[in-house]
Amino acid sequence: RIDVWYIENWSIWLDINIILLTII
């Protein structure tokens, strides 16, 4: 469900946000 949401709402800023949260 969350993966599908990501596909439908992708943006480069979302990717950067996910990377930052992953590091945290």
PDBML (XML) file of the C-alpha atoms, coordinates in Angstrom:
<?xml version="1.0" encoding="UTF-8" ?>
<PDBx:datablock datablockName="MODEL"
   xmlns:PDBx="http://pdbml.pdb.org/schema/pdbx-v50.xsd"
   xmlns:xsi="http://www.w3.org/2001/XMLSchema-instance"
   xsi:schemaLocation="http://pdbml.pdb.org/schema/pdbx-v50.xsd pdbx-v50.xsd">
   <PDBx:atom_siteCategory>
      <PDBx:atom_site id="1">
         <PDBx:B_iso_or_equiv>0.00</PDBx:B_iso_or_equiv>
         <PDBx:Cartn_x>0.000</PDBx:Cartn_x>
         <PDBx:Cartn_y>0.000</PDBx:Cartn_y>
         <PDBx:Cartn_z>0.000</PDBx:Cartn_z>
         <PDBx:auth_asym_id>A</PDBx:auth_asym_id>
         <PDBx:auth_atom_id>CA</PDBx:auth_atom_id>
         <PDBx:auth_comp_id>ARG</PDBx:auth_comp_id>
         <PDBx:auth_seq_id>1</PDBx:auth_seq_id>
         <PDBx:group_PDB>ATOM</PDBx:group_PDB>
         <PDBx:label_alt_id xsi:nil="true" />
         <PDBx:label_asym_id>A</PDBx:label_asym_id>
         <PDBx:label_atom_id>CA</PDBx:label_atom_id>
         <PDBx:label_comp_id>ARG</PDBx:label_comp_id>
         <PDBx:label_entity_id>1</PDBx:label_entity_id>
         <PDBx:label_seq_id>1</PDBx:label_seq_id>
         <PDBx:occupancy>1.00</PDBx:occupancy>
         <PDBx:pdbx_PDB_model_num>1</PDBx:pdbx_PDB_model_num>
         <PDBx:type_symbol>C</PDBx:type_symbol>
      </PDBx:atom_site>
      <PDBx:atom_site id="2">
         <PDBx:B_iso_or_equiv>0.00</PDBx:B_iso_or_equiv>
         <PDBx:Cartn_x>2.772</PDBx:Cartn_x>
         <PDBx:Cartn_y>2.447</PDBx:Cartn_y>
         <PDBx:Cartn_z>0.904</PDBx:Cartn_z>
         <PDBx:auth_asym_id>A</PDBx:auth_asym_id>
         <PDBx:auth_atom_id>CA</PDBx:auth_atom_id>
         <PDBx:auth_comp_id>ILE</PDBx:auth_comp_id>
         <PDBx:auth_seq_id>2</PDBx:auth_seq_id>
         <PDBx:group_PDB>ATOM</PDBx:group_PDB>
         <PDBx:label_alt_id xsi:nil="true" />
         <PDBx:label_asym_id>A</PDBx:label_asym_id>
         <PDBx:label_atom_id>CA</PDBx:label_atom_id>
         <PDBx:label_comp_id>ILE</PDBx:label_comp_id>
         <PDBx:label_entity_id>1</PDBx:label_entity_id>
         <PDBx:label_seq_id>2</PDBx:label_seq_id>
         <PDBx:occupancy>1.00</PDBx:occupancy>
         <PDBx:pdbx_PDB_model_num>1</PDBx:pdbx_PDB_model_num>
         <PDBx:type_symbol>C</PDBx:type_symbol>
      </PDBx:atom_site>
      <PDBx:atom_site id="3">
         <PDBx:B_iso_or_equiv>0.00</PDBx:B_iso_or_equiv>
         <PDBx:Cartn_x>4.876</PDBx:Cartn_x>
         <PDBx:Cartn_y>1.470</PDBx:Cartn_y>
         <PDBx:Cartn_z>-2.133</PDBx:Cartn_z>
         <PDBx:auth_asym_id>A</PDBx:auth_asym_id>
         <PDBx:auth_atom_id>CA</PDBx:auth_atom_id>
         <PDBx:auth_comp_id>ASP</PDBx:auth_comp_id>
         <PDBx:auth_seq_id>3</PDBx:auth_seq_id>
         <PDBx:group_PDB>ATOM</PDBx:group_PDB>
         <PDBx:label_alt_id xsi:nil="true" />
         <PDBx:label_asym_id>A</PDBx:label_asym_id>
         <PDBx:label_atom_id>CA</PDBx:label_atom_id>
         <PDBx:label_comp_id>ASP</PDBx:label_comp_id>
         <PDBx:label_entity_id>1</PDBx:label_entity_id>
         <PDBx:label_seq_id>3</PDBx:label_seq_id>
         <PDBx:occupancy>1.00</PDBx:occupancy>
         <PDBx:pdbx_PDB_model_num>1</PDBx:pdbx_PDB_model_num>
         <PDBx:type_symbol>C</PDBx:type_symbol>
      </PDBx:atom_site>
      <PDBx:atom_site id="4">
         <PDBx:B_iso_or_equiv>0.00</PDBx:B_iso_or_equiv>
         <PDBx:Cartn_x>1.895</PDBx:Cartn_x>
         <PDBx:Cartn_y>2.200</PDBx:Cartn_y>
         <PDBx:Cartn_z>-4.418</PDBx:Cartn_z>
         <PDBx:auth_asym_id>A</PDBx:auth_asym_id>
         <PDBx:auth_atom_id>CA</PDBx:auth_atom_id>
         <PDBx:auth_comp_id>VAL</PDBx:auth_comp_id>
         <PDBx:auth_seq_id>4</PDBx:auth_seq_id>
         <PDBx:group_PDB>ATOM</PDBx:group_PDB>
         <PDBx:label_alt_id xsi:nil="true" />
         <PDBx:label_asym_id>A</PDBx:label_asym_id>
         <PDBx:label_atom_id>CA</PDBx:label_atom_id>
         <PDBx:label_comp_id>VAL</PDBx:label_comp_id>
         <PDBx:label_entity_id>1</PDBx:label_entity_id>
         <PDBx:label_seq_id>4</PDBx:label_seq_id>
         <PDBx:occupancy>1.00</PDBx:occupancy>
         <PDBx:pdbx_PDB_model_num>1</PDBx:pdbx_PDB_model_num>
         <PDBx:type_symbol>C</PDBx:type_symbol>
      </PDBx:atom_site>
      <PDBx:atom_site id="5">
         <PDBx:B_iso_or_equiv>0.00</PDBx:B_iso_or_equiv>
         <PDBx:Cartn_x>1.409</PDBx:Cartn_x>
         <PDBx:Cartn_y>5.562</PDBx:Cartn_y>
         <PDBx:Cartn_z>-2.681</PDBx:Cartn_z>
         <PDBx:auth_asym_id>A</PDBx:auth_asym_id>
         <PDBx:auth_atom_id>CA</PDBx:auth_atom_id>
         <PDBx:auth_comp_id>TRP</PDBx:auth_comp_id>
         <PDBx:auth_seq_id>5</PDBx:auth_seq_id>
         <PDBx:group_PDB>ATOM</PDBx:group_PDB>
         <PDBx:label_alt_id xsi:nil="true" />
         <PDBx:label_asym_id>A</PDBx:label_asym_id>
         <PDBx:label_atom_id>CA</PDBx:label_atom_id>
         <PDBx:label_comp_id>TRP</PDBx:label_comp_id>
         <PDBx:label_entity_id>1</PDBx:label_entity_id>
         <PDBx:label_seq_id>5</PDBx:label_seq_id>
         <PDBx:occupancy>1.00</PDBx:occupancy>
         <PDBx:pdbx_PDB_model_num>1</PDBx:pdbx_PDB_model_num>
         <PDBx:type_symbol>C</PDBx:type_symbol>
      </PDBx:atom_site>
      <PDBx:atom_site id="6">
         <PDBx:B_iso_or_equiv>0.00</PDBx:B_iso_or_equiv>
         <PDBx:Cartn_x>5.073</PDBx:Cartn_x>
         <PDBx:Cartn_y>6.362</PDBx:Cartn_y>
         <PDBx:Cartn_z>-3.380</PDBx:Cartn_z>
         <PDBx:auth_asym_id>A</PDBx:auth_asym_id>
         <PDBx:auth_atom_id>CA</PDBx:auth_atom_id>
         <PDBx:auth_comp_id>TYR</PDBx:auth_comp_id>
         <PDBx:auth_seq_id>6</PDBx:auth_seq_id>
         <PDBx:group_PDB>ATOM</PDBx:group_PDB>
         <PDBx:label_alt_id xsi:nil="true" />
         <PDBx:label_asym_id>A</PDBx:label_asym_id>
         <PDBx:label_atom_id>CA</PDBx:label_atom_id>
         <PDBx:label_comp_id>TYR</PDBx:label_comp_id>
         <PDBx:label_entity_id>1</PDBx:label_entity_id>
         <PDBx:label_seq_id>6</PDBx:label_seq_id>
         <PDBx:occupancy>1.00</PDBx:occupancy>
         <PDBx:pdbx_PDB_model_num>1</PDBx:pdbx_PDB_model_num>
         <PDBx:type_symbol>C</PDBx:type_symbol>
      </PDBx:atom_site>
      <PDBx:atom_site id="7">
         <PDBx:B_iso_or_equiv>0.00</PDBx:B_iso_or_equiv>
         <PDBx:Cartn_x>4.661</PDBx:Cartn_x>
         <PDBx:Cartn_y>5.519</PDBx:Cartn_y>
         <PDBx:Cartn_z>-7.076</PDBx:Cartn_z>
         <PDBx:auth_asym_id>A</PDBx:auth_asym_id>
         <PDBx:auth_atom_id>CA</PDBx:auth_atom_id>
         <PDBx:auth_comp_id>ILE</PDBx:auth_comp_id>
         <PDBx:auth_seq_id>7</PDBx:auth_seq_id>
         <PDBx:group_PDB>ATOM</PDBx:group_PDB>
         <PDBx:label_alt_id xsi:nil="true" />
         <PDBx:label_asym_id>A</PDBx:label_asym_id>
         <PDBx:label_atom_id>CA</PDBx:label_atom_id>
         <PDBx:label_comp_id>ILE</PDBx:label_comp_id>
         <PDBx:label_entity_id>1</PDBx:label_entity_id>
         <PDBx:label_seq_id>7</PDBx:label_seq_id>
         <PDBx:occupancy>1.00</PDBx:occupancy>
         <PDBx:pdbx_PDB_model_num>1</PDBx:pdbx_PDB_model_num>
         <PDBx:type_symbol>C</PDBx:type_symbol>
      </PDBx:atom_site>
      <PDBx:atom_site id="8">
         <PDBx:B_iso_or_equiv>0.00</PDBx:B_iso_or_equiv>
         <PDBx:Cartn_x>1.605</PDBx:Cartn_x>
         <PDBx:Cartn_y>7.781</PDBx:Cartn_y>
         <PDBx:Cartn_z>-7.334</PDBx:Cartn_z>
         <PDBx:auth_asym_id>A</PDBx:auth_asym_id>
         <PDBx:auth_atom_id>CA</PDBx:auth_atom_id>
         <PDBx:auth_comp_id>GLU</PDBx:auth_comp_id>
         <PDBx:auth_seq_id>8</PDBx:auth_seq_id>
         <PDBx:group_PDB>ATOM</PDBx:group_PDB>
         <PDBx:label_alt_id xsi:nil="true" />
         <PDBx:label_asym_id>A</PDBx:label_asym_id>
         <PDBx:label_atom_id>CA</PDBx:label_atom_id>
         <PDBx:label_comp_id>GLU</PDBx:label_comp_id>
         <PDBx:label_entity_id>1</PDBx:label_entity_id>
         <PDBx:label_seq_id>8</PDBx:label_seq_id>
         <PDBx:occupancy>1.00</PDBx:occupancy>
         <PDBx:pdbx_PDB_model_num>1</PDBx:pdbx_PDB_model_num>
         <PDBx:type_symbol>C</PDBx:type_symbol>
      </PDBx:atom_site>
      <PDBx:atom_site id="9">
         <PDBx:B_iso_or_equiv>0.00</PDBx:B_iso_or_equiv>
         <PDBx:Cartn_x>3.194</PDBx:Cartn_x>
         <PDBx:Cartn_y>10.688</PDBx:Cartn_y>
         <PDBx:Cartn_z>-5.450</PDBx:Cartn_z>
         <PDBx:auth_asym_id>A</PDBx:auth_asym_id>
         <PDBx:auth_atom_id>CA</PDBx:auth_atom_id>
         <PDBx:auth_comp_id>ASN</PDBx:auth_comp_id>
         <PDBx:auth_seq_id>9</PDBx:auth_seq_id>
         <PDBx:group_PDB>ATOM</PDBx:group_PDB>
         <PDBx:label_alt_id xsi:nil="true" />
         <PDBx:label_asym_id>A</PDBx:label_asym_id>
         <PDBx:label_atom_id>CA</PDBx:label_atom_id>
         <PDBx:label_comp_id>ASN</PDBx:label_comp_id>
         <PDBx:label_entity_id>1</PDBx:label_entity_id>
         <PDBx:label_seq_id>9</PDBx:label_seq_id>
         <PDBx:occupancy>1.00</PDBx:occupancy>
         <PDBx:pdbx_PDB_model_num>1</PDBx:pdbx_PDB_model_num>
         <PDBx:type_symbol>C</PDBx:type_symbol>
      </PDBx:atom_site>
      <PDBx:atom_site id="10">
         <PDBx:B_iso_or_equiv>0.00</PDBx:B_iso_or_equiv>
         <PDBx:Cartn_x>6.833</PDBx:Cartn_x>
         <PDBx:Cartn_y>10.564</PDBx:Cartn_y>
         <PDBx:Cartn_z>-6.534</PDBx:Cartn_z>
         <PDBx:auth_asym_id>A</PDBx:auth_asym_id>
         <PDBx:auth_atom_id>CA</PDBx:auth_atom_id>
         <PDBx:auth_comp_id>TRP</PDBx:auth_comp_id>
         <PDBx:auth_seq_id>10</PDBx:auth_seq_id>
         <PDBx:group_PDB>ATOM</PDBx:group_PDB>
         <PDBx:label_alt_id xsi:nil="true" />
         <PDBx:label_asym_id>A</PDBx:label_asym_id>
         <PDBx:label_atom_id>CA</PDBx:label_atom_id>
         <PDBx:label_comp_id>TRP</PDBx:label_comp_id>
         <PDBx:label_entity_id>1</PDBx:label_entity_id>
         <PDBx:label_seq_id>10</PDBx:label_seq_id>
         <PDBx:occupancy>1.00</PDBx:occupancy>
         <PDBx:pdbx_PDB_model_num>1</PDBx:pdbx_PDB_model_num>
         <PDBx:type_symbol>C</PDBx:type_symbol>
      </PDBx:atom_site>
      <PDBx:atom_site id="11">
         <PDBx:B_iso_or_equiv>0.00</PDBx:B_iso_or_equiv>
         <PDBx:Cartn_x>8.932</PDBx:Cartn_x>
         <PDBx:Cartn_y>13.712</PDBx:Cartn_y>
         <PDBx:Cartn_z>-6.634</PDBx:Cartn_z>
         <PDBx:auth_asym_id>A</PDBx:auth_asym_id>
         <PDBx:auth_atom_id>CA</PDBx:auth_atom_id>
         <PDBx:auth_comp_id>SER</PDBx:auth_comp_id>
         <PDBx:auth_seq_id>11</PDBx:auth_seq_id>
         <PDBx:group_PDB>ATOM</PDBx:group_PDB>
         <PDBx:label_alt_id xsi:nil="true" />
         <PDBx:label_asym_id>A</PDBx:label_asym_id>
         <PDBx:label_atom_id>CA</PDBx:label_atom_id>
         <PDBx:label_comp_id>SER</PDBx:label_comp_id>
         <PDBx:label_entity_id>1</PDBx:label_entity_id>
         <PDBx:label_seq_id>11</PDBx:label_seq_id>
         <PDBx:occupancy>1.00</PDBx:occupancy>
         <PDBx:pdbx_PDB_model_num>1</PDBx:pdbx_PDB_model_num>
         <PDBx:type_symbol>C</PDBx:type_symbol>
      </PDBx:atom_site>
      <PDBx:atom_site id="12">
         <PDBx:B_iso_or_equiv>0.00</PDBx:B_iso_or_equiv>
         <PDBx:Cartn_x>12.676</PDBx:Cartn_x>
         <PDBx:Cartn_y>14.276</PDBx:Cartn_y>
         <PDBx:Cartn_z>-6.339</PDBx:Cartn_z>
         <PDBx:auth_asym_id>A</PDBx:auth_asym_id>
         <PDBx:auth_atom_id>CA</PDBx:auth_atom_id>
         <PDBx:auth_comp_id>ILE</PDBx:auth_comp_id>
         <PDBx:auth_seq_id>12</PDBx:auth_seq_id>
         <PDBx:group_PDB>ATOM</PDBx:group_PDB>
         <PDBx:label_alt_id xsi:nil="true" />
         <PDBx:label_asym_id>A</PDBx:label_asym_id>
         <PDBx:label_atom_id>CA</PDBx:label_atom_id>
         <PDBx:label_comp_id>ILE</PDBx:label_comp_id>
         <PDBx:label_entity_id>1</PDBx:label_entity_id>
         <PDBx:label_seq_id>12</PDBx:label_seq_id>
         <PDBx:occupancy>1.00</PDBx:occupancy>
         <PDBx:pdbx_PDB_model_num>1</PDBx:pdbx_PDB_model_num>
         <PDBx:type_symbol>C</PDBx:type_symbol>
      </PDBx:atom_site>
      <PDBx:atom_site id="13">
         <PDBx:B_iso_or_equiv>0.00</PDBx:B_iso_or_equiv>
         <PDBx:Cartn_x>12.016</PDBx:Cartn_x>
         <PDBx:Cartn_y>16.107</PDBx:Cartn_y>
         <PDBx:Cartn_z>-3.064</PDBx:Cartn_z>
         <PDBx:auth_asym_id>A</PDBx:auth_asym_id>
         <PDBx:auth_atom_id>CA</PDBx:auth_atom_id>
         <PDBx:auth_comp_id>TRP</PDBx:auth_comp_id>
         <PDBx:auth_seq_id>13</PDBx:auth_seq_id>
         <PDBx:group_PDB>ATOM</PDBx:group_PDB>
         <PDBx:label_alt_id xsi:nil="true" />
         <PDBx:label_asym_id>A</PDBx:label_asym_id>
         <PDBx:label_atom_id>CA</PDBx:label_atom_id>
         <PDBx:label_comp_id>TRP</PDBx:label_comp_id>
         <PDBx:label_entity_id>1</PDBx:label_entity_id>
         <PDBx:label_seq_id>13</PDBx:label_seq_id>
         <PDBx:occupancy>1.00</PDBx:occupancy>
         <PDBx:pdbx_PDB_model_num>1</PDBx:pdbx_PDB_model_num>
         <PDBx:type_symbol>C</PDBx:type_symbol>
      </PDBx:atom_site>
      <PDBx:atom_site id="14">
         <PDBx:B_iso_or_equiv>0.00</PDBx:B_iso_or_equiv>
         <PDBx:Cartn_x>10.167</PDBx:Cartn_x>
         <PDBx:Cartn_y>13.060</PDBx:Cartn_y>
         <PDBx:Cartn_z>-1.738</PDBx:Cartn_z>
         <PDBx:auth_asym_id>A</PDBx:auth_asym_id>
         <PDBx:auth_atom_id>CA</PDBx:auth_atom_id>
         <PDBx:auth_comp_id>LEU</PDBx:auth_comp_id>
         <PDBx:auth_seq_id>14</PDBx:auth_seq_id>
         <PDBx:group_PDB>ATOM</PDBx:group_PDB>
         <PDBx:label_alt_id xsi:nil="true" />
         <PDBx:label_asym_id>A</PDBx:label_asym_id>
         <PDBx:label_atom_id>CA</PDBx:label_atom_id>
         <PDBx:label_comp_id>LEU</PDBx:label_comp_id>
         <PDBx:label_entity_id>1</PDBx:label_entity_id>
         <PDBx:label_seq_id>14</PDBx:label_seq_id>
         <PDBx:occupancy>1.00</PDBx:occupancy>
         <PDBx:pdbx_PDB_model_num>1</PDBx:pdbx_PDB_model_num>
         <PDBx:type_symbol>C</PDBx:type_symbol>
      </PDBx:atom_site>
      <PDBx:atom_site id="15">
         <PDBx:B_iso_or_equiv>0.00</PDBx:B_iso_or_equiv>
         <PDBx:Cartn_x>13.228</PDBx:Cartn_x>
         <PDBx:Cartn_y>10.934</PDBx:Cartn_y>
         <PDBx:Cartn_z>-2.593</PDBx:Cartn_z>
         <PDBx:auth_asym_id>A</PDBx:auth_asym_id>
         <PDBx:auth_atom_id>CA</PDBx:auth_atom_id>
         <PDBx:auth_comp_id>ASP</PDBx:auth_comp_id>
         <PDBx:auth_seq_id>15</PDBx:auth_seq_id>
         <PDBx:group_PDB>ATOM</PDBx:group_PDB>
         <PDBx:label_alt_id xsi:nil="true" />
         <PDBx:label_asym_id>A</PDBx:label_asym_id>
         <PDBx:label_atom_id>CA</PDBx:label_atom_id>
         <PDBx:label_comp_id>ASP</PDBx:label_comp_id>
         <PDBx:label_entity_id>1</PDBx:label_entity_id>
         <PDBx:label_seq_id>15</PDBx:label_seq_id>
         <PDBx:occupancy>1.00</PDBx:occupancy>
         <PDBx:pdbx_PDB_model_num>1</PDBx:pdbx_PDB_model_num>
         <PDBx:type_symbol>C</PDBx:type_symbol>
      </PDBx:atom_site>
      <PDBx:atom_site id="16">
         <PDBx:B_iso_or_equiv>0.00</PDBx:B_iso_or_equiv>
         <PDBx:Cartn_x>15.520</PDBx:Cartn_x>
         <PDBx:Cartn_y>13.345</PDBx:Cartn_y>
         <PDBx:Cartn_z>-0.746</PDBx:Cartn_z>
         <PDBx:auth_asym_id>A</PDBx:auth_asym_id>
         <PDBx:auth_atom_id>CA</PDBx:auth_atom_id>
         <PDBx:auth_comp_id>ILE</PDBx:auth_comp_id>
         <PDBx:auth_seq_id>16</PDBx:auth_seq_id>
         <PDBx:group_PDB>ATOM</PDBx:group_PDB>
         <PDBx:label_alt_id xsi:nil="true" />
         <PDBx:label_asym_id>A</PDBx:label_asym_id>
         <PDBx:label_atom_id>CA</PDBx:label_atom_id>
         <PDBx:label_comp_id>ILE</PDBx:label_comp_id>
         <PDBx:label_entity_id>1</PDBx:label_entity_id>
         <PDBx:label_seq_id>16</PDBx:label_seq_id>
         <PDBx:occupancy>1.00</PDBx:occupancy>
         <PDBx:pdbx_PDB_model_num>1</PDBx:pdbx_PDB_model_num>
         <PDBx:type_symbol>C</PDBx:type_symbol>
      </PDBx:atom_site>
      <PDBx:atom_site id="17">
         <PDBx:B_iso_or_equiv>0.00</PDBx:B_iso_or_equiv>
         <PDBx:Cartn_x>13.176</PDBx:Cartn_x>
         <PDBx:Cartn_y>13.345</PDBx:Cartn_y>
         <PDBx:Cartn_z>2.236</PDBx:Cartn_z>
         <PDBx:auth_asym_id>A</PDBx:auth_asym_id>
         <PDBx:auth_atom_id>CA</PDBx:auth_atom_id>
         <PDBx:auth_comp_id>ASN</PDBx:auth_comp_id>
         <PDBx:auth_seq_id>17</PDBx:auth_seq_id>
         <PDBx:group_PDB>ATOM</PDBx:group_PDB>
         <PDBx:label_alt_id xsi:nil="true" />
         <PDBx:label_asym_id>A</PDBx:label_asym_id>
         <PDBx:label_atom_id>CA</PDBx:label_atom_id>
         <PDBx:label_comp_id>ASN</PDBx:label_comp_id>
         <PDBx:label_entity_id>1</PDBx:label_entity_id>
         <PDBx:label_seq_id>17</PDBx:label_seq_id>
         <PDBx:occupancy>1.00</PDBx:occupancy>
         <PDBx:pdbx_PDB_model_num>1</PDBx:pdbx_PDB_model_num>
         <PDBx:type_symbol>C</PDBx:type_symbol>
      </PDBx:atom_site>
      <PDBx:atom_site id="18">
         <PDBx:B_iso_or_equiv>0.00</PDBx:B_iso_or_equiv>
         <PDBx:Cartn_x>13.130</PDBx:Cartn_x>
         <PDBx:Cartn_y>9.515</PDBx:Cartn_y>
         <PDBx:Cartn_z>2.338</PDBx:Cartn_z>
         <PDBx:auth_asym_id>A</PDBx:auth_asym_id>
         <PDBx:auth_atom_id>CA</PDBx:auth_atom_id>
         <PDBx:auth_comp_id>ILE</PDBx:auth_comp_id>
         <PDBx:auth_seq_id>18</PDBx:auth_seq_id>
         <PDBx:group_PDB>ATOM</PDBx:group_PDB>
         <PDBx:label_alt_id xsi:nil="true" />
         <PDBx:label_asym_id>A</PDBx:label_asym_id>
         <PDBx:label_atom_id>CA</PDBx:label_atom_id>
         <PDBx:label_comp_id>ILE</PDBx:label_comp_id>
         <PDBx:label_entity_id>1</PDBx:label_entity_id>
         <PDBx:label_seq_id>18</PDBx:label_seq_id>
         <PDBx:occupancy>1.00</PDBx:occupancy>
         <PDBx:pdbx_PDB_model_num>1</PDBx:pdbx_PDB_model_num>
         <PDBx:type_symbol>C</PDBx:type_symbol>
      </PDBx:atom_site>
      <PDBx:atom_site id="19">
         <PDBx:B_iso_or_equiv>0.00</PDBx:B_iso_or_equiv>
         <PDBx:Cartn_x>16.942</PDBx:Cartn_x>
         <PDBx:Cartn_y>9.403</PDBx:Cartn_y>
         <PDBx:Cartn_z>2.179</PDBx:Cartn_z>
         <PDBx:auth_asym_id>A</PDBx:auth_asym_id>
         <PDBx:auth_atom_id>CA</PDBx:auth_atom_id>
         <PDBx:auth_comp_id>ILE</PDBx:auth_comp_id>
         <PDBx:auth_seq_id>19</PDBx:auth_seq_id>
         <PDBx:group_PDB>ATOM</PDBx:group_PDB>
         <PDBx:label_alt_id xsi:nil="true" />
         <PDBx:label_asym_id>A</PDBx:label_asym_id>
         <PDBx:label_atom_id>CA</PDBx:label_atom_id>
         <PDBx:label_comp_id>ILE</PDBx:label_comp_id>
         <PDBx:label_entity_id>1</PDBx:label_entity_id>
         <PDBx:label_seq_id>19</PDBx:label_seq_id>
         <PDBx:occupancy>1.00</PDBx:occupancy>
         <PDBx:pdbx_PDB_model_num>1</PDBx:pdbx_PDB_model_num>
         <PDBx:type_symbol>C</PDBx:type_symbol>
      </PDBx:atom_site>
      <PDBx:atom_site id="20">
         <PDBx:B_iso_or_equiv>0.00</PDBx:B_iso_or_equiv>
         <PDBx:Cartn_x>17.239</PDBx:Cartn_x>
         <PDBx:Cartn_y>11.874</PDBx:Cartn_y>
         <PDBx:Cartn_z>5.083</PDBx:Cartn_z>
         <PDBx:auth_asym_id>A</PDBx:auth_asym_id>
         <PDBx:auth_atom_id>CA</PDBx:auth_atom_id>
         <PDBx:auth_comp_id>LEU</PDBx:auth_comp_id>
         <PDBx:auth_seq_id>20</PDBx:auth_seq_id>
         <PDBx:group_PDB>ATOM</PDBx:group_PDB>
         <PDBx:label_alt_id xsi:nil="true" />
         <PDBx:label_asym_id>A</PDBx:label_asym_id>
         <PDBx:label_atom_id>CA</PDBx:label_atom_id>
         <PDBx:label_comp_id>LEU</PDBx:label_comp_id>
         <PDBx:label_entity_id>1</PDBx:label_entity_id>
         <PDBx:label_seq_id>20</PDBx:label_seq_id>
         <PDBx:occupancy>1.00</PDBx:occupancy>
         <PDBx:pdbx_PDB_model_num>1</PDBx:pdbx_PDB_model_num>
         <PDBx:type_symbol>C</PDBx:type_symbol>
      </PDBx:atom_site>
      <PDBx:atom_site id="21">
         <PDBx:B_iso_or_equiv>0.00</PDBx:B_iso_or_equiv>
         <PDBx:Cartn_x>14.742</PDBx:Cartn_x>
         <PDBx:Cartn_y>9.901</PDBx:Cartn_y>
         <PDBx:Cartn_z>7.185</PDBx:Cartn_z>
         <PDBx:auth_asym_id>A</PDBx:auth_asym_id>
         <PDBx:auth_atom_id>CA</PDBx:auth_atom_id>
         <PDBx:auth_comp_id>LEU</PDBx:auth_comp_id>
         <PDBx:auth_seq_id>21</PDBx:auth_seq_id>
         <PDBx:group_PDB>ATOM</PDBx:group_PDB>
         <PDBx:label_alt_id xsi:nil="true" />
         <PDBx:label_asym_id>A</PDBx:label_asym_id>
         <PDBx:label_atom_id>CA</PDBx:label_atom_id>
         <PDBx:label_comp_id>LEU</PDBx:label_comp_id>
         <PDBx:label_entity_id>1</PDBx:label_entity_id>
         <PDBx:label_seq_id>21</PDBx:label_seq_id>
         <PDBx:occupancy>1.00</PDBx:occupancy>
         <PDBx:pdbx_PDB_model_num>1</PDBx:pdbx_PDB_model_num>
         <PDBx:type_symbol>C</PDBx:type_symbol>
      </PDBx:atom_site>
      <PDBx:atom_site id="22">
         <PDBx:B_iso_or_equiv>0.00</PDBx:B_iso_or_equiv>
         <PDBx:Cartn_x>16.577</PDBx:Cartn_x>
         <PDBx:Cartn_y>6.663</PDBx:Cartn_y>
         <PDBx:Cartn_z>6.331</PDBx:Cartn_z>
         <PDBx:auth_asym_id>A</PDBx:auth_asym_id>
         <PDBx:auth_atom_id>CA</PDBx:auth_atom_id>
         <PDBx:auth_comp_id>THR</PDBx:auth_comp_id>
         <PDBx:auth_seq_id>22</PDBx:auth_seq_id>
         <PDBx:group_PDB>ATOM</PDBx:group_PDB>
         <PDBx:label_alt_id xsi:nil="true" />
         <PDBx:label_asym_id>A</PDBx:label_asym_id>
         <PDBx:label_atom_id>CA</PDBx:label_atom_id>
         <PDBx:label_comp_id>THR</PDBx:label_comp_id>
         <PDBx:label_entity_id>1</PDBx:label_entity_id>
         <PDBx:label_seq_id>22</PDBx:label_seq_id>
         <PDBx:occupancy>1.00</PDBx:occupancy>
         <PDBx:pdbx_PDB_model_num>1</PDBx:pdbx_PDB_model_num>
         <PDBx:type_symbol>C</PDBx:type_symbol>
      </PDBx:atom_site>
      <PDBx:atom_site id="23">
         <PDBx:B_iso_or_equiv>0.00</PDBx:B_iso_or_equiv>
         <PDBx:Cartn_x>19.855</PDBx:Cartn_x>
         <PDBx:Cartn_y>8.132</PDBx:Cartn_y>
         <PDBx:Cartn_z>7.583</PDBx:Cartn_z>
         <PDBx:auth_asym_id>A</PDBx:auth_asym_id>
         <PDBx:auth_atom_id>CA</PDBx:auth_atom_id>
         <PDBx:auth_comp_id>ILE</PDBx:auth_comp_id>
         <PDBx:auth_seq_id>23</PDBx:auth_seq_id>
         <PDBx:group_PDB>ATOM</PDBx:group_PDB>
         <PDBx:label_alt_id xsi:nil="true" />
         <PDBx:label_asym_id>A</PDBx:label_asym_id>
         <PDBx:label_atom_id>CA</PDBx:label_atom_id>
         <PDBx:label_comp_id>ILE</PDBx:label_comp_id>
         <PDBx:label_entity_id>1</PDBx:label_entity_id>
         <PDBx:label_seq_id>23</PDBx:label_seq_id>
         <PDBx:occupancy>1.00</PDBx:occupancy>
         <PDBx:pdbx_PDB_model_num>1</PDBx:pdbx_PDB_model_num>
         <PDBx:type_symbol>C</PDBx:type_symbol>
      </PDBx:atom_site>
      <PDBx:atom_site id="24">
         <PDBx:B_iso_or_equiv>0.00</PDBx:B_iso_or_equiv>
         <PDBx:Cartn_x>18.139</PDBx:Cartn_x>
         <PDBx:Cartn_y>9.226</PDBx:Cartn_y>
         <PDBx:Cartn_z>10.810</PDBx:Cartn_z>
         <PDBx:auth_asym_id>A</PDBx:auth_asym_id>
         <PDBx:auth_atom_id>CA</PDBx:auth_atom_id>
         <PDBx:auth_comp_id>ILE</PDBx:auth_comp_id>
         <PDBx:auth_seq_id>24</PDBx:auth_seq_id>
         <PDBx:group_PDB>ATOM</PDBx:group_PDB>
         <PDBx:label_alt_id xsi:nil="true" />
         <PDBx:label_asym_id>A</PDBx:label_asym_id>
         <PDBx:label_atom_id>CA</PDBx:label_atom_id>
         <PDBx:label_comp_id>ILE</PDBx:label_comp_id>
         <PDBx:label_entity_id>1</PDBx:label_entity_id>
         <PDBx:label_seq_id>24</PDBx:label_seq_id>
         <PDBx:occupancy>1.00</PDBx:occupancy>
         <PDBx:pdbx_PDB_model_num>1</PDBx:pdbx_PDB_model_num>
         <PDBx:type_symbol>C</PDBx:type_symbol>
      </PDBx:atom_site>
   </PDBx:atom_siteCategory>
</PDBx:datablock>
